[in-house]
Full PDB file with SEQRES, HELIX, SHEET, SSBOND, CRYST1, ORIGX, SCALE, CONECT and MASTER records, all heavy atoms in Angstrom:
SEQRES   1 A   36  MET SER ILE GLN GLY MET PHE LYS VAL TYR ALA ILE ILE          
SEQRES   2 A   36  SER PHE ALA VAL PRO PHE LEU ILE LEU GLY LEU PRO ILE          
SEQRES   3 A   36  PHE ASP THR ALA PHE ALA PHE THR ARG ARG                      
HELIX    1 AA1 MET A    6  LYS A    8  5                                   3    
HELIX    2 AA2 ALA A   16  ILE A   21  1                                   6    
HELIX    3 AA3 GLY A   23  ARG A   35  1                                  13    
CRYST1    1.000    1.000    1.000  90.00  90.00  90.00 P 1           1          
ORIGX1      1.000000  0.000000  0.000000        0.00000                         
ORIGX2      0.000000  1.000000  0.000000        0.00000                         
ORIGX3      0.000000  0.000000  1.000000        0.00000                         
SCALE1      1.000000  0.000000  0.000000        0.00000                         
SCALE2      0.000000  1.000000  0.000000        0.00000                         
SCALE3      0.000000  0.000000  1.000000        0.00000                         
ATOM      1  N   MET A   1     -20.839  10.763  -1.242  1.00  0.00           N  
ATOM      2  CA  MET A   1     -21.608  11.869  -0.663  1.00  0.00           C  
ATOM      3  C   MET A   1     -22.551  12.496  -1.688  1.00  0.00           C  
ATOM      4  O   MET A   1     -23.658  12.911  -1.357  1.00  0.00           O  
ATOM      5  CB  MET A   1     -20.662  12.945  -0.110  1.00  0.00           C  
ATOM      6  CG  MET A   1     -19.859  12.552   1.099  1.00  0.00           C  
ATOM      7  SD  MET A   1     -20.845  12.371   2.616  1.00  0.00           S  
ATOM      8  CE  MET A   1     -20.972  10.577   2.689  1.00  0.00           C  
ATOM      9  N   SER A   2     -22.105  12.553  -2.930  1.00  0.00           N  
ATOM     10  CA  SER A   2     -22.962  13.128  -3.976  1.00  0.00           C  
ATOM     11  C   SER A   2     -24.205  12.263  -4.184  1.00  0.00           C  
ATOM     12  O   SER A   2     -25.289  12.782  -4.453  1.00  0.00           O  
ATOM     13  CB  SER A   2     -22.191  13.262  -5.290  1.00  0.00           C  
ATOM     14  OG  SER A   2     -21.897  11.997  -5.846  1.00  0.00           O  
ATOM     15  N   ILE A   3     -24.053  10.953  -4.043  1.00  0.00           N  
ATOM     16  CA  ILE A   3     -25.215  10.062  -4.204  1.00  0.00           C  
ATOM     17  C   ILE A   3     -26.154  10.219  -3.030  1.00  0.00           C  
ATOM     18  O   ILE A   3     -27.385  10.239  -3.187  1.00  0.00           O  
ATOM     19  CB  ILE A   3     -24.747   8.592  -4.318  1.00  0.00           C  
ATOM     20  CG1 ILE A   3     -23.869   8.416  -5.551  1.00  0.00           C  
ATOM     21  CG2 ILE A   3     -25.942   7.643  -4.388  1.00  0.00           C  
ATOM     22  CD1 ILE A   3     -23.148   7.104  -5.609  1.00  0.00           C  
ATOM     23  N   GLN A   4     -25.603  10.339  -1.830  1.00  0.00           N  
ATOM     24  CA  GLN A   4     -26.437  10.490  -0.645  1.00  0.00           C  
ATOM     25  C   GLN A   4     -27.266  11.766  -0.682  1.00  0.00           C  
ATOM     26  O   GLN A   4     -28.407  11.792  -0.234  1.00  0.00           O  
ATOM     27  CB  GLN A   4     -25.568  10.506   0.619  1.00  0.00           C  
ATOM     28  CG  GLN A   4     -25.222   9.121   1.138  1.00  0.00           C  
ATOM     29  CD  GLN A   4     -24.698   9.186   2.558  1.00  0.00           C  
ATOM     30  OE1 GLN A   4     -23.815   9.983   2.873  1.00  0.00           O  
ATOM     31  NE2 GLN A   4     -25.230   8.350   3.421  1.00  0.00           N  
ATOM     32  N   GLY A   5     -26.687  12.824  -1.234  1.00  0.00           N  
ATOM     33  CA  GLY A   5     -27.389  14.103  -1.218  1.00  0.00           C  
ATOM     34  C   GLY A   5     -27.888  14.567  -2.560  1.00  0.00           C  
ATOM     35  O   GLY A   5     -29.079  14.668  -2.815  1.00  0.00           O  
ATOM     36  N   MET A   6     -26.939  14.794  -3.505  1.00  0.00           N  
ATOM     37  CA  MET A   6     -27.285  15.477  -4.749  1.00  0.00           C  
ATOM     38  C   MET A   6     -28.258  14.690  -5.624  1.00  0.00           C  
ATOM     39  O   MET A   6     -29.188  15.241  -6.194  1.00  0.00           O  
ATOM     40  CB  MET A   6     -26.022  15.773  -5.571  1.00  0.00           C  
ATOM     41  CG  MET A   6     -24.883  16.428  -4.817  1.00  0.00           C  
ATOM     42  SD  MET A   6     -25.338  17.941  -3.971  1.00  0.00           S  
ATOM     43  CE  MET A   6     -25.260  17.371  -2.269  1.00  0.00           C  
ATOM     44  N   PHE A   7     -28.036  13.379  -5.753  1.00  0.00           N  
ATOM     45  CA  PHE A   7     -28.880  12.596  -6.640  1.00  0.00           C  
ATOM     46  C   PHE A   7     -30.269  12.343  -6.043  1.00  0.00           C  
ATOM     47  O   PHE A   7     -31.118  11.755  -6.674  1.00  0.00           O  
ATOM     48  CB  PHE A   7     -28.217  11.255  -6.969  1.00  0.00           C  
ATOM     49  CG  PHE A   7     -27.227  11.334  -8.092  1.00  0.00           C  
ATOM     50  CD1 PHE A   7     -25.871  11.170  -7.855  1.00  0.00           C  
ATOM     51  CD2 PHE A   7     -27.643  11.591  -9.389  1.00  0.00           C  
ATOM     52  CE1 PHE A   7     -24.950  11.245  -8.881  1.00  0.00           C  
ATOM     53  CE2 PHE A   7     -26.725  11.667 -10.425  1.00  0.00           C  
ATOM     54  CZ  PHE A   7     -25.387  11.497 -10.169  1.00  0.00           C  
ATOM     55  N   LYS A   8     -30.456  12.756  -4.789  1.00  0.00           N  
ATOM     56  CA  LYS A   8     -31.757  12.547  -4.169  1.00  0.00           C  
ATOM     57  C   LYS A   8     -32.621  13.808  -4.196  1.00  0.00           C  
ATOM     58  O   LYS A   8     -33.696  13.846  -3.625  1.00  0.00           O  
ATOM     59  CB  LYS A   8     -31.571  12.080  -2.714  1.00  0.00           C  
ATOM     60  CG  LYS A   8     -31.021  10.650  -2.631  1.00  0.00           C  
ATOM     61  CD  LYS A   8     -30.972  10.169  -1.203  1.00  0.00           C  
ATOM     62  CE  LYS A   8     -30.502   8.721  -1.143  1.00  0.00           C  
ATOM     63  NZ  LYS A   8     -30.443   8.207   0.238  1.00  0.00           N  
ATOM     64  N   VAL A   9     -32.113  14.840  -4.860  1.00  0.00           N  
ATOM     65  CA  VAL A   9     -32.903  16.058  -5.016  1.00  0.00           C  
ATOM     66  C   VAL A   9     -33.799  15.870  -6.232  1.00  0.00           C  
ATOM     67  O   VAL A   9     -33.383  16.099  -7.360  1.00  0.00           O  
ATOM     68  CB  VAL A   9     -31.994  17.303  -5.217  1.00  0.00           C  
ATOM     69  CG1 VAL A   9     -32.835  18.566  -5.212  1.00  0.00           C  
ATOM     70  CG2 VAL A   9     -30.938  17.359  -4.138  1.00  0.00           C  
ATOM     71  N   TYR A  10     -35.012  15.455  -6.028  1.00  0.00           N  
ATOM     72  CA  TYR A  10     -35.878  15.122  -7.150  1.00  0.00           C  
ATOM     73  C   TYR A  10     -36.540  16.379  -7.705  1.00  0.00           C  
ATOM     74  O   TYR A  10     -37.744  16.540  -7.693  1.00  0.00           O  
ATOM     75  CB  TYR A  10     -36.925  14.106  -6.731  1.00  0.00           C  
ATOM     76  CG  TYR A  10     -36.328  12.822  -6.242  1.00  0.00           C  
ATOM     77  CD1 TYR A  10     -36.881  12.157  -5.155  1.00  0.00           C  
ATOM     78  CD2 TYR A  10     -35.209  12.283  -6.847  1.00  0.00           C  
ATOM     79  CE1 TYR A  10     -36.335  10.968  -4.694  1.00  0.00           C  
ATOM     80  CE2 TYR A  10     -34.644  11.107  -6.397  1.00  0.00           C  
ATOM     81  CZ  TYR A  10     -35.219  10.452  -5.316  1.00  0.00           C  
ATOM     82  OH  TYR A  10     -34.669   9.280  -4.868  1.00  0.00           O  
ATOM     83  N   ALA A  11     -35.704  17.293  -8.140  1.00  0.00           N  
ATOM     84  CA  ALA A  11     -36.188  18.509  -8.773  1.00  0.00           C  
ATOM     85  C   ALA A  11     -35.652  18.527 -10.197  1.00  0.00           C  
ATOM     86  O   ALA A  11     -34.869  17.689 -10.594  1.00  0.00           O  
ATOM     87  CB  ALA A  11     -35.705  19.737  -7.999  1.00  0.00           C  
ATOM     88  N   ILE A  12     -36.064  19.534 -10.951  1.00  0.00           N  
ATOM     89  CA  ILE A  12     -35.677  19.597 -12.355  1.00  0.00           C  
ATOM     90  C   ILE A  12     -34.152  19.621 -12.502  1.00  0.00           C  
ATOM     91  O   ILE A  12     -33.455  20.270 -11.741  1.00  0.00           O  
ATOM     92  CB  ILE A  12     -36.313  20.846 -13.033  1.00  0.00           C  
ATOM     93  CG1 ILE A  12     -36.092  20.799 -14.536  1.00  0.00           C  
ATOM     94  CG2 ILE A  12     -35.789  22.119 -12.437  1.00  0.00           C  
ATOM     95  CD1 ILE A  12     -36.873  19.748 -15.229  1.00  0.00           C  
ATOM     96  N   ILE A  13     -33.641  18.872 -13.463  1.00  0.00           N  
ATOM     97  CA  ILE A  13     -32.235  18.672 -13.812  1.00  0.00           C  
ATOM     98  C   ILE A  13     -31.328  18.449 -12.583  1.00  0.00           C  
ATOM     99  O   ILE A  13     -30.196  18.901 -12.538  1.00  0.00           O  
ATOM    100  CB  ILE A  13     -31.685  19.812 -14.708  1.00  0.00           C  
ATOM    101  CG1 ILE A  13     -32.004  21.206 -14.196  1.00  0.00           C  
ATOM    102  CG2 ILE A  13     -32.207  19.695 -16.100  1.00  0.00           C  
ATOM    103  CD1 ILE A  13     -31.160  21.716 -13.103  1.00  0.00           C  
ATOM    104  N   SER A  14     -31.817  17.766 -11.552  1.00  0.00           N  
ATOM    105  CA  SER A  14     -30.995  17.528 -10.370  1.00  0.00           C  
ATOM    106  C   SER A  14     -29.758  16.713 -10.693  1.00  0.00           C  
ATOM    107  O   SER A  14     -28.751  16.796  -9.995  1.00  0.00           O  
ATOM    108  CB  SER A  14     -31.812  16.810  -9.294  1.00  0.00           C  
ATOM    109  OG  SER A  14     -32.288  15.569  -9.780  1.00  0.00           O  
ATOM    110  N   PHE A  15     -29.812  15.911 -11.766  1.00  0.00           N  
ATOM    111  CA  PHE A  15     -28.651  15.103 -12.138  1.00  0.00           C  
ATOM    112  C   PHE A  15     -27.462  15.971 -12.513  1.00  0.00           C  
ATOM    113  O   PHE A  15     -26.307  15.526 -12.460  1.00  0.00           O  
ATOM    114  CB  PHE A  15     -29.009  14.172 -13.304  1.00  0.00           C  
ATOM    115  CG  PHE A  15     -29.157  14.866 -14.625  1.00  0.00           C  
ATOM    116  CD1 PHE A  15     -28.088  14.986 -15.497  1.00  0.00           C  
ATOM    117  CD2 PHE A  15     -30.377  15.435 -14.984  1.00  0.00           C  
ATOM    118  CE1 PHE A  15     -28.228  15.641 -16.707  1.00  0.00           C  
ATOM    119  CE2 PHE A  15     -30.518  16.085 -16.197  1.00  0.00           C  
ATOM    120  CZ  PHE A  15     -29.448  16.192 -17.062  1.00  0.00           C  
ATOM    121  N   ALA A  16     -27.686  17.224 -12.912  1.00  0.00           N  
ATOM    122  CA  ALA A  16     -26.600  18.100 -13.351  1.00  0.00           C  
ATOM    123  C   ALA A  16     -25.799  18.651 -12.177  1.00  0.00           C  
ATOM    124  O   ALA A  16     -24.655  19.060 -12.350  1.00  0.00           O  
ATOM    125  CB  ALA A  16     -27.157  19.258 -14.175  1.00  0.00           C  
ATOM    126  N   VAL A  17     -26.385  18.668 -10.975  1.00  0.00           N  
ATOM    127  CA  VAL A  17     -25.723  19.270  -9.817  1.00  0.00           C  
ATOM    128  C   VAL A  17     -24.401  18.577  -9.485  1.00  0.00           C  
ATOM    129  O   VAL A  17     -23.361  19.232  -9.409  1.00  0.00           O  
ATOM    130  CB  VAL A  17     -26.670  19.305  -8.600  1.00  0.00           C  
ATOM    131  CG1 VAL A  17     -25.925  19.777  -7.351  1.00  0.00           C  
ATOM    132  CG2 VAL A  17     -27.862  20.206  -8.884  1.00  0.00           C  
ATOM    133  N   PRO A  18     -24.377  17.254  -9.277  1.00  0.00           N  
ATOM    134  CA  PRO A  18     -23.082  16.624  -8.984  1.00  0.00           C  
ATOM    135  C   PRO A  18     -22.098  16.701 -10.136  1.00  0.00           C  
ATOM    136  O   PRO A  18     -20.881  16.775  -9.912  1.00  0.00           O  
ATOM    137  CB  PRO A  18     -23.462  15.161  -8.677  1.00  0.00           C  
ATOM    138  CG  PRO A  18     -24.791  14.959  -9.312  1.00  0.00           C  
ATOM    139  CD  PRO A  18     -25.477  16.279  -9.215  1.00  0.00           C  
ATOM    140  N   PHE A  19     -22.585  16.709 -11.374  1.00  0.00           N  
ATOM    141  CA  PHE A  19     -21.694  16.826 -12.522  1.00  0.00           C  
ATOM    142  C   PHE A  19     -21.020  18.193 -12.560  1.00  0.00           C  
ATOM    143  O   PHE A  19     -19.853  18.309 -12.954  1.00  0.00           O  
ATOM    144  CB  PHE A  19     -22.459  16.577 -13.825  1.00  0.00           C  
ATOM    145  CG  PHE A  19     -22.691  15.126 -14.113  1.00  0.00           C  
ATOM    146  CD1 PHE A  19     -23.863  14.507 -13.725  1.00  0.00           C  
ATOM    147  CD2 PHE A  19     -21.740  14.368 -14.761  1.00  0.00           C  
ATOM    148  CE1 PHE A  19     -24.082  13.167 -13.973  1.00  0.00           C  
ATOM    149  CE2 PHE A  19     -21.941  13.030 -15.026  1.00  0.00           C  
ATOM    150  CZ  PHE A  19     -23.118  12.417 -14.624  1.00  0.00           C  
ATOM    151  N   LEU A  20     -21.734  19.226 -12.158  1.00  0.00           N  
ATOM    152  CA  LEU A  20     -21.137  20.558 -12.111  1.00  0.00           C  
ATOM    153  C   LEU A  20     -20.138  20.667 -10.967  1.00  0.00           C  
ATOM    154  O   LEU A  20     -19.040  21.204 -11.133  1.00  0.00           O  
ATOM    155  CB  LEU A  20     -22.232  21.619 -11.950  1.00  0.00           C  
ATOM    156  CG  LEU A  20     -23.025  21.975 -13.211  1.00  0.00           C  
ATOM    157  CD1 LEU A  20     -24.180  22.908 -12.861  1.00  0.00           C  
ATOM    158  CD2 LEU A  20     -22.119  22.642 -14.248  1.00  0.00           C  
ATOM    159  N   ILE A  21     -20.511  20.153  -9.799  1.00  0.00           N  
ATOM    160  CA  ILE A  21     -19.635  20.232  -8.634  1.00  0.00           C  
ATOM    161  C   ILE A  21     -18.311  19.530  -8.898  1.00  0.00           C  
ATOM    162  O   ILE A  21     -17.243  20.011  -8.521  1.00  0.00           O  
ATOM    163  CB  ILE A  21     -20.336  19.630  -7.395  1.00  0.00           C  
ATOM    164  CG1 ILE A  21     -21.555  20.494  -7.008  1.00  0.00           C  
ATOM    165  CG2 ILE A  21     -19.368  19.548  -6.219  1.00  0.00           C  
ATOM    166  CD1 ILE A  21     -22.391  19.893  -5.901  1.00  0.00           C  
ATOM    167  N   LEU A  22     -18.382  18.389  -9.550  1.00  0.00           N  
ATOM    168  CA  LEU A  22     -17.185  17.594  -9.855  1.00  0.00           C  
ATOM    169  C   LEU A  22     -16.759  17.781 -11.303  1.00  0.00           C  
ATOM    170  O   LEU A  22     -16.090  16.919 -11.883  1.00  0.00           O  
ATOM    171  CB  LEU A  22     -17.466  16.118  -9.569  1.00  0.00           C  
ATOM    172  CG  LEU A  22     -17.888  15.811  -8.126  1.00  0.00           C  
ATOM    173  CD1 LEU A  22     -18.418  14.396  -8.008  1.00  0.00           C  
ATOM    174  CD2 LEU A  22     -16.731  16.030  -7.160  1.00  0.00           C  
ATOM    175  N   GLY A  23     -17.144  18.916 -11.878  1.00  0.00           N  
ATOM    176  CA  GLY A  23     -16.934  19.150 -13.304  1.00  0.00           C  
ATOM    177  C   GLY A  23     -15.488  19.106 -13.738  1.00  0.00           C  
ATOM    178  O   GLY A  23     -15.163  18.519 -14.775  1.00  0.00           O  
ATOM    179  N   LEU A  24     -14.568  19.709 -12.974  1.00  0.00           N  
ATOM    180  CA  LEU A  24     -13.162  19.766 -13.389  1.00  0.00           C  
ATOM    181  C   LEU A  24     -12.525  18.380 -13.476  1.00  0.00           C  
ATOM    182  O   LEU A  24     -11.958  18.035 -14.518  1.00  0.00           O  
ATOM    183  CB  LEU A  24     -12.371  20.677 -12.444  1.00  0.00           C  
ATOM    184  CG  LEU A  24     -10.885  20.835 -12.782  1.00  0.00           C  
ATOM    185  CD1 LEU A  24     -10.699  21.420 -14.174  1.00  0.00           C  
ATOM    186  CD2 LEU A  24     -10.186  21.697 -11.744  1.00  0.00           C  
ATOM    187  N   PRO A  25     -12.591  17.560 -12.416  1.00  0.00           N  
ATOM    188  CA  PRO A  25     -11.997  16.215 -12.553  1.00  0.00           C  
ATOM    189  C   PRO A  25     -12.690  15.356 -13.595  1.00  0.00           C  
ATOM    190  O   PRO A  25     -12.035  14.578 -14.292  1.00  0.00           O  
ATOM    191  CB  PRO A  25     -12.142  15.608 -11.142  1.00  0.00           C  
ATOM    192  CG  PRO A  25     -13.126  16.454 -10.435  1.00  0.00           C  
ATOM    193  CD  PRO A  25     -13.034  17.807 -11.035  1.00  0.00           C  
ATOM    194  N   ILE A  26     -14.025  15.495 -13.749  1.00  0.00           N  
ATOM    195  CA  ILE A  26     -14.741  14.718 -14.767  1.00  0.00           C  
ATOM    196  C   ILE A  26     -14.287  15.129 -16.163  1.00  0.00           C  
ATOM    197  O   ILE A  26     -13.997  14.288 -17.021  1.00  0.00           O  
ATOM    198  CB  ILE A  26     -16.273  14.916 -14.626  1.00  0.00           C  
ATOM    199  CG1 ILE A  26     -16.774  14.242 -13.345  1.00  0.00           C  
ATOM    200  CG2 ILE A  26     -17.004  14.345 -15.834  1.00  0.00           C  
ATOM    201  CD1 ILE A  26     -18.240  14.508 -13.052  1.00  0.00           C  
ATOM    202  N   PHE A  27     -14.202  16.436 -16.412  1.00  0.00           N  
ATOM    203  CA  PHE A  27     -13.782  16.955 -17.716  1.00  0.00           C  
ATOM    204  C   PHE A  27     -12.361  16.505 -18.041  1.00  0.00           C  
ATOM    205  O   PHE A  27     -12.078  16.031 -19.149  1.00  0.00           O  
ATOM    206  CB  PHE A  27     -13.881  18.479 -17.705  1.00  0.00           C  
ATOM    207  CG  PHE A  27     -13.443  19.131 -18.981  1.00  0.00           C  
ATOM    208  CD1 PHE A  27     -14.331  19.292 -20.029  1.00  0.00           C  
ATOM    209  CD2 PHE A  27     -12.146  19.596 -19.128  1.00  0.00           C  
ATOM    210  CE1 PHE A  27     -13.930  19.905 -21.213  1.00  0.00           C  
ATOM    211  CE2 PHE A  27     -11.730  20.200 -20.307  1.00  0.00           C  
ATOM    212  CZ  PHE A  27     -12.628  20.350 -21.347  1.00  0.00           C  
ATOM    213  N   ASP A  28     -11.461  16.652 -17.074  1.00  0.00           N  
ATOM    214  CA  ASP A  28     -10.061  16.306 -17.305  1.00  0.00           C  
ATOM    215  C   ASP A  28      -9.901  14.817 -17.592  1.00  0.00           C  
ATOM    216  O   ASP A  28      -9.164  14.415 -18.499  1.00  0.00           O  
ATOM    217  CB  ASP A  28      -9.227  16.699 -16.085  1.00  0.00           C  
ATOM    218  CG  ASP A  28      -7.742  16.488 -16.309  1.00  0.00           C  
ATOM    219  OD1 ASP A  28      -7.247  16.913 -17.373  1.00  0.00           O  
ATOM    220  OD2 ASP A  28      -7.082  15.902 -15.449  1.00  0.00           O  
ATOM    221  N   THR A  29     -10.616  13.979 -16.843  1.00  0.00           N  
ATOM    222  CA  THR A  29     -10.524  12.531 -17.042  1.00  0.00           C  
ATOM    223  C   THR A  29     -11.104  12.117 -18.386  1.00  0.00           C  
ATOM    224  O   THR A  29     -10.522  11.287 -19.104  1.00  0.00           O  
ATOM    225  CB  THR A  29     -11.257  11.787 -15.911  1.00  0.00           C  
ATOM    226  OG1 THR A  29     -10.690  12.171 -14.652  1.00  0.00           O  
ATOM    227  CG2 THR A  29     -11.145  10.287 -16.076  1.00  0.00           C  
ATOM    228  N   ALA A  30     -12.255  12.694 -18.745  1.00  0.00           N  
ATOM    229  CA  ALA A  30     -12.896  12.347 -20.016  1.00  0.00           C  
ATOM    230  C   ALA A  30     -11.981  12.658 -21.188  1.00  0.00           C  
ATOM    231  O   ALA A  30     -11.828  11.850 -22.114  1.00  0.00           O  
ATOM    232  CB  ALA A  30     -14.216  13.102 -20.154  1.00  0.00           C  
ATOM    233  N   PHE A  31     -11.333  13.819 -21.155  1.00  0.00           N  
ATOM    234  CA  PHE A  31     -10.472  14.192 -22.268  1.00  0.00           C  
ATOM    235  C   PHE A  31      -9.132  13.465 -22.229  1.00  0.00           C  
ATOM    236  O   PHE A  31      -8.517  13.257 -23.281  1.00  0.00           O  
ATOM    237  CB  PHE A  31     -10.283  15.701 -22.303  1.00  0.00           C  
ATOM    238  CG  PHE A  31     -11.413  16.392 -22.993  1.00  0.00           C  
ATOM    239  CD1 PHE A  31     -12.461  16.925 -22.274  1.00  0.00           C  
ATOM    240  CD2 PHE A  31     -11.452  16.467 -24.369  1.00  0.00           C  
ATOM    241  CE1 PHE A  31     -13.522  17.538 -22.912  1.00  0.00           C  
ATOM    242  CE2 PHE A  31     -12.507  17.080 -25.014  1.00  0.00           C  
ATOM    243  CZ  PHE A  31     -13.550  17.614 -24.288  1.00  0.00           C  
ATOM    244  N   ALA A  32      -8.693  13.080 -21.043  1.00  0.00           N  
ATOM    245  CA  ALA A  32      -7.478  12.270 -20.960  1.00  0.00           C  
ATOM    246  C   ALA A  32      -7.707  10.921 -21.634  1.00  0.00           C  
ATOM    247  O   ALA A  32      -6.877  10.456 -22.430  1.00  0.00           O  
ATOM    248  CB  ALA A  32      -7.072  12.075 -19.498  1.00  0.00           C  
ATOM    249  N   PHE A  33      -8.845  10.304 -21.343  1.00  0.00           N  
ATOM    250  CA  PHE A  33      -9.169   9.020 -21.957  1.00  0.00           C  
ATOM    251  C   PHE A  33      -9.359   9.169 -23.466  1.00  0.00           C  
ATOM    252  O   PHE A  33      -8.875   8.353 -24.245  1.00  0.00           O  
ATOM    253  CB  PHE A  33     -10.436   8.435 -21.320  1.00  0.00           C  
ATOM    254  CG  PHE A  33     -10.176   7.710 -20.033  1.00  0.00           C  
ATOM    255  CD1 PHE A  33      -9.182   8.129 -19.170  1.00  0.00           C  
ATOM    256  CD2 PHE A  33     -10.914   6.603 -19.675  1.00  0.00           C  
ATOM    257  CE1 PHE A  33      -8.932   7.465 -17.980  1.00  0.00           C  
ATOM    258  CE2 PHE A  33     -10.672   5.919 -18.496  1.00  0.00           C  
ATOM    259  CZ  PHE A  33      -9.677   6.358 -17.637  1.00  0.00           C  
ATOM    260  N   THR A  34     -10.067  10.231 -23.882  1.00  0.00           N  
ATOM    261  CA  THR A  34     -10.298  10.465 -25.313  1.00  0.00           C  
ATOM    262  C   THR A  34      -8.984  10.690 -26.049  1.00  0.00           C  
ATOM    263  O   THR A  34      -8.751  10.126 -27.129  1.00  0.00           O  
ATOM    264  CB  THR A  34     -11.209  11.692 -25.516  1.00  0.00           C  
ATOM    265  OG1 THR A  34     -12.429  11.496 -24.803  1.00  0.00           O  
ATOM    266  CG2 THR A  34     -11.515  11.903 -26.987  1.00  0.00           C  
ATOM    267  N   ARG A  35      -8.107  11.487 -25.467  1.00  0.00           N  
ATOM    268  CA  ARG A  35      -6.816  11.792 -26.077  1.00  0.00           C  
ATOM    269  C   ARG A  35      -5.979  10.530 -26.244  1.00  0.00           C  
ATOM    270  O   ARG A  35      -5.368  10.313 -27.304  1.00  0.00           O  
ATOM    271  CB  ARG A  35      -6.076  12.796 -25.192  1.00  0.00           C  
ATOM    272  CG  ARG A  35      -4.704  13.202 -25.707  1.00  0.00           C  
ATOM    273  CD  ARG A  35      -4.055  14.198 -24.772  1.00  0.00           C  
ATOM    274  NE  ARG A  35      -3.769  13.648 -23.458  1.00  0.00           N  
ATOM    275  CZ  ARG A  35      -4.418  13.989 -22.351  1.00  0.00           C  
ATOM    276  NH1 ARG A  35      -5.393  14.863 -22.385  1.00  0.00           N  
ATOM    277  NH2 ARG A  35      -4.093  13.456 -21.183  1.00  0.00           N  
ATOM    278  N   ARG A  36      -5.950   9.701 -25.228  1.00  0.00           N  
ATOM    279  CA  ARG A  36      -5.129   8.491 -25.286  1.00  0.00           C  
ATOM    280  C   ARG A  36      -5.682   7.483 -26.287  1.00  0.00           C  
ATOM    281  O   ARG A  36      -4.921   6.839 -27.009  1.00  0.00           O  
ATOM    282  CB  ARG A  36      -5.045   7.869 -23.889  1.00  0.00           C  
ATOM    283  CG  ARG A  36      -4.281   8.732 -22.900  1.00  0.00           C  
ATOM    284  CD  ARG A  36      -4.521   8.331 -21.472  1.00  0.00           C  
ATOM    285  NE  ARG A  36      -3.901   9.263 -20.528  1.00  0.00           N  
ATOM    286  CZ  ARG A  36      -4.097   9.232 -19.215  1.00  0.00           C  
ATOM    287  NH1 ARG A  36      -4.905   8.321 -18.698  1.00  0.00           N  
ATOM    288  NH2 ARG A  36      -3.507  10.109 -18.433  1.00  0.00           N  
TER     289      ARG A  36                                                      
MASTER        0    0    0    3    0    0    0    6  288    1    0    3          
END                                                                             
């Protein structure tokens, strides 16, 4: 759904929108992998 909508907003820094919306799971996963 984020690809269908968020990544198609061709405005300034639109790529940051889905990263913010899904920020908690992305942050937790990134640090889980880094920690391991």
